[in-house]
């Protein structure tokens, strides 16, 4: 029995995998479970030795969902951060960019503070 060799990318593109979902199916599944959140975006540097942070408050849901939500924000803007006391703390002043990003996801975000 002769095996087919893959010589270029065109041959590779002809291979079909049955167990993989298409991107459309994945996006539809995630959009069906999406709940619109009423969030607040704060800017703070108090108690952090002058370092600025953006704090997202008002998330309602499970702690695991909050961590996934925070990870998506951190990956989008390539920044560090953490989740404490049901708040997402992002390192740096990314408040306006985060508000735009969250609004594009369908959430209602209120800008709080200076």
C-alpha atoms as a PDB file:
ATOM      1  CA  UNK A   1       0.000   0.000   0.000  1.00  0.00           C
ATOM      2  CA  UNK A   2       1.423   3.371  -1.023  1.00  0.00           C
ATOM      3  CA  UNK A   3       1.297   6.272   1.434  1.00  0.00           C
ATOM      4  CA  UNK A   4       0.517   9.748   0.194  1.00  0.00           C
ATOM      5  CA  UNK A   5       3.234  12.231   0.962  1.00  0.00           C
ATOM      6  CA  UNK A   6       2.529  15.863   1.642  1.00  0.00           C
ATOM      7  CA  UNK A   7       4.819  17.901  -0.591  1.00  0.00           C
ATOM      8  CA  UNK A   8       3.409  21.386  -0.152  1.00  0.00           C
ATOM      9  CA  UNK A   9       0.752  23.439   1.640  1.00  0.00           C
ATOM     10  CA  UNK A  10      -1.866  22.777  -1.044  1.00  0.00           C
ATOM     11  CA  UNK A  11      -1.699  19.061  -0.263  1.00  0.00           C
ATOM     12  CA  UNK A  12      -1.970  19.875   3.425  1.00  0.00           C
ATOM     13  CA  UNK A  13      -5.079  22.017   2.869  1.00  0.00           C
ATOM     14  CA  UNK A  14      -6.901  19.053   1.278  1.00  0.00           C
ATOM     15  CA  UNK A  15      -6.809  17.048   4.498  1.00  0.00           C
ATOM     16  CA  UNK A  16     -10.100  17.112   6.399  1.00  0.00           C
ATOM     17  CA  UNK A  17     -10.308  16.407  10.117  1.00  0.00           C
ATOM     18  CA  UNK A  18     -13.692  15.202  11.359  1.00  0.00           C
ATOM     19  CA  UNK A  19     -13.162  15.934  15.047  1.00  0.00           C
ATOM     20  CA  UNK A  20     -12.328  19.648  14.697  1.00  0.00           C
ATOM     21  CA  UNK A  21     -15.001  22.337  15.016  1.00  0.00           C
ATOM     22  CA  UNK A  22     -15.038  25.237  12.622  1.00  0.00           C
ATOM     23  CA  UNK A  23     -14.497  28.761  13.972  1.00  0.00           C
ATOM     24  CA  UNK A  24     -18.126  29.637  13.200  1.00  0.00           C
ATOM     25  CA  UNK A  25     -19.427  26.880  15.479  1.00  0.00           C
ATOM     26  CA  UNK A  26     -17.155  27.948  18.317  1.00  0.00           C
ATOM     27  CA  UNK A  27     -18.150  31.618  18.067  1.00  0.00           C
ATOM     28  CA  UNK A  28     -21.861  30.708  17.984  1.00  0.00           C
ATOM     29  CA  UNK A  29     -21.531  28.572  21.122  1.00  0.00           C
ATOM     30  CA  UNK A  30     -19.768  31.334  23.050  1.00  0.00           C
ATOM     31  CA  UNK A  31     -22.204  34.025  21.900  1.00  0.00           C
ATOM     32  CA  UNK A  32     -25.209  31.968  23.044  1.00  0.00           C
ATOM     33  CA  UNK A  33     -23.883  31.859  26.610  1.00  0.00           C
ATOM     34  CA  UNK A  34     -22.926  35.536  26.733  1.00  0.00           C
ATOM     35  CA  UNK A  35     -24.560  37.678  29.400  1.00  0.00           C
ATOM     36  CA  UNK A  36     -24.384  41.459  29.083  1.00  0.00           C
ATOM     37  CA  UNK A  37     -22.568  42.886  32.095  1.00  0.00           C
ATOM     38  CA  UNK A  38     -22.901  46.378  33.573  1.00  0.00           C
ATOM     39  CA  UNK A  39     -19.291  47.182  34.435  1.00  0.00           C
ATOM     40  CA  UNK A  40     -17.339  50.135  35.819  1.00  0.00           C
ATOM     41  CA  UNK A  41     -13.820  51.045  34.680  1.00  0.00           C
ATOM     42  CA  UNK A  42     -11.790  52.793  37.393  1.00  0.00           C
ATOM     43  CA  UNK A  43      -8.316  54.339  37.334  1.00  0.00           C
ATOM     44  CA  UNK A  44      -6.219  54.170  40.488  1.00  0.00           C
ATOM     45  CA  UNK A  45      -2.693  54.554  41.793  1.00  0.00           C
ATOM     46  CA  UNK A  46      -3.374  54.622  45.536  1.00  0.00           C
ATOM     47  CA  UNK A  47      -1.703  51.992  47.677  1.00  0.00           C
ATOM     48  CA  UNK A  48       0.453  50.772  44.822  1.00  0.00           C
ATOM     49  CA  UNK A  49       3.584  52.880  45.258  1.00  0.00           C
ATOM     50  CA  UNK A  50       2.465  55.285  42.516  1.00  0.00           C
ATOM     51  CA  UNK A  51       1.933  52.553  39.896  1.00  0.00           C
ATOM     52  CA  UNK A  52      -1.186  53.099  37.824  1.00  0.00           C
ATOM     53  CA  UNK A  53      -3.797  50.378  37.388  1.00  0.00           C
ATOM     54  CA  UNK A  54      -7.160  50.016  35.685  1.00  0.00           C
ATOM     55  CA  UNK A  55      -9.814  48.310  37.800  1.00  0.00           C
ATOM     56  CA  UNK A  56     -12.896  46.674  36.276  1.00  0.00           C
ATOM     57  CA  UNK A  57     -15.738  46.320  38.802  1.00  0.00           C
ATOM     58  CA  UNK A  58     -19.288  45.019  38.704  1.00  0.00           C
ATOM     59  CA  UNK A  59     -18.818  41.588  37.148  1.00  0.00           C
ATOM     60  CA  UNK A  60     -21.631  39.229  38.093  1.00  0.00           C
ATOM     61  CA  UNK A  61     -21.000  35.521  37.759  1.00  0.00           C
ATOM     62  CA  UNK A  62     -18.759  32.712  38.899  1.00  0.00           C
ATOM     63  CA  UNK A  63     -15.139  33.266  39.906  1.00  0.00           C
ATOM     64  CA  UNK A  64     -13.934  30.946  37.132  1.00  0.00           C
ATOM     65  CA  UNK A  65     -15.811  33.030  34.536  1.00  0.00           C
ATOM     66  CA  UNK A  66     -14.253  36.190  35.967  1.00  0.00           C
ATOM     67  CA  UNK A  67     -10.768  34.680  35.605  1.00  0.00           C
ATOM     68  CA  UNK A  68     -11.440  33.731  31.972  1.00  0.00           C
ATOM     69  CA  UNK A  69     -12.788  37.236  31.318  1.00  0.00           C
ATOM     70  CA  UNK A  70      -9.690  38.804  32.919  1.00  0.00           C
ATOM     71  CA  UNK A  71      -7.383  36.564  30.915  1.00  0.00           C
ATOM     72  CA  UNK A  72      -9.068  37.649  27.675  1.00  0.00           C
ATOM     73  CA  UNK A  73      -8.502  41.317  28.556  1.00  0.00           C
ATOM     74  CA  UNK A  74      -4.884  40.720  29.566  1.00  0.00           C
ATOM     75  CA  UNK A  75      -4.154  38.795  26.363  1.00  0.00           C
ATOM     76  CA  UNK A  76      -5.847  41.420  24.174  1.00  0.00           C
ATOM     77  CA  UNK A  77      -3.656  44.242  25.519  1.00  0.00           C
ATOM     78  CA  UNK A  78      -0.556  42.178  26.391  1.00  0.00           C
ATOM     79  CA  UNK A  79      -0.491  43.381  29.980  1.00  0.00           C
ATOM     80  CA  UNK A  80      -0.336  41.851  33.422  1.00  0.00           C
ATOM     81  CA  UNK A  81      -3.038  41.846  35.996  1.00  0.00           C
ATOM     82  CA  UNK A  82      -4.909  39.882  38.609  1.00  0.00           C
ATOM     83  CA  UNK A  83      -8.343  39.114  40.016  1.00  0.00           C
ATOM     84  CA  UNK A  84      -9.000  40.129  43.625  1.00  0.00           C
ATOM     85  CA  UNK A  85     -12.230  40.756  45.554  1.00  0.00           C
ATOM     86  CA  UNK A  86     -14.367  40.158  42.436  1.00  0.00           C
ATOM     87  CA  UNK A  87     -12.455  42.916  40.591  1.00  0.00           C
ATOM     88  CA  UNK A  88     -10.129  42.721  37.614  1.00  0.00           C
ATOM     89  CA  UNK A  89      -6.928  44.702  38.187  1.00  0.00           C
ATOM     90  CA  UNK A  90      -4.993  45.511  34.994  1.00  0.00           C
ATOM     91  CA  UNK A  91      -1.494  46.988  35.218  1.00  0.00           C
ATOM     92  CA  UNK A  92      -1.278  50.385  33.534  1.00  0.00           C
ATOM     93  CA  UNK A  93      -3.747  53.004  32.358  1.00  0.00           C
ATOM     94  CA  UNK A  94      -5.671  51.145  29.641  1.00  0.00           C
ATOM     95  CA  UNK A  95      -9.103  52.341  30.728  1.00  0.00           C
ATOM     96  CA  UNK A  96     -10.250  53.889  27.432  1.00  0.00           C
ATOM     97  CA  UNK A  97      -8.980  50.949  25.352  1.00  0.00           C
ATOM     98  CA  UNK A  98     -10.608  48.447  27.705  1.00  0.00           C
ATOM     99  CA  UNK A  99     -13.904  50.371  27.618  1.00  0.00           C
ATOM    100  CA  UNK A 100     -13.879  50.307  23.805  1.00  0.00           C
ATOM    101  CA  UNK A 101     -13.028  46.577  23.792  1.00  0.00           C
ATOM    102  CA  UNK A 102     -15.752  45.662  26.290  1.00  0.00           C
ATOM    103  CA  UNK A 103     -18.330  47.787  24.458  1.00  0.00           C
ATOM    104  CA  UNK A 104     -17.490  45.953  21.241  1.00  0.00           C
ATOM    105  CA  UNK A 105     -18.239  42.683  23.071  1.00  0.00           C
ATOM    106  CA  UNK A 106     -21.680  44.048  23.960  1.00  0.00           C
ATOM    107  CA  UNK A 107     -21.108  44.955  27.619  1.00  0.00           C
ATOM    108  CA  UNK A 108     -22.165  48.271  29.128  1.00  0.00           C
ATOM    109  CA  UNK A 109     -19.152  50.010  30.673  1.00  0.00           C
ATOM    110  CA  UNK A 110     -19.219  53.190  32.724  1.00  0.00           C
ATOM    111  CA  UNK A 111     -16.071  55.333  33.022  1.00  0.00           C
ATOM    112  CA  UNK A 112     -15.549  56.251  36.689  1.00  0.00           C
ATOM    113  CA  UNK A 113     -13.036  58.721  38.098  1.00  0.00           C
ATOM    114  CA  UNK A 114     -10.604  61.225  36.597  1.00  0.00           C
END
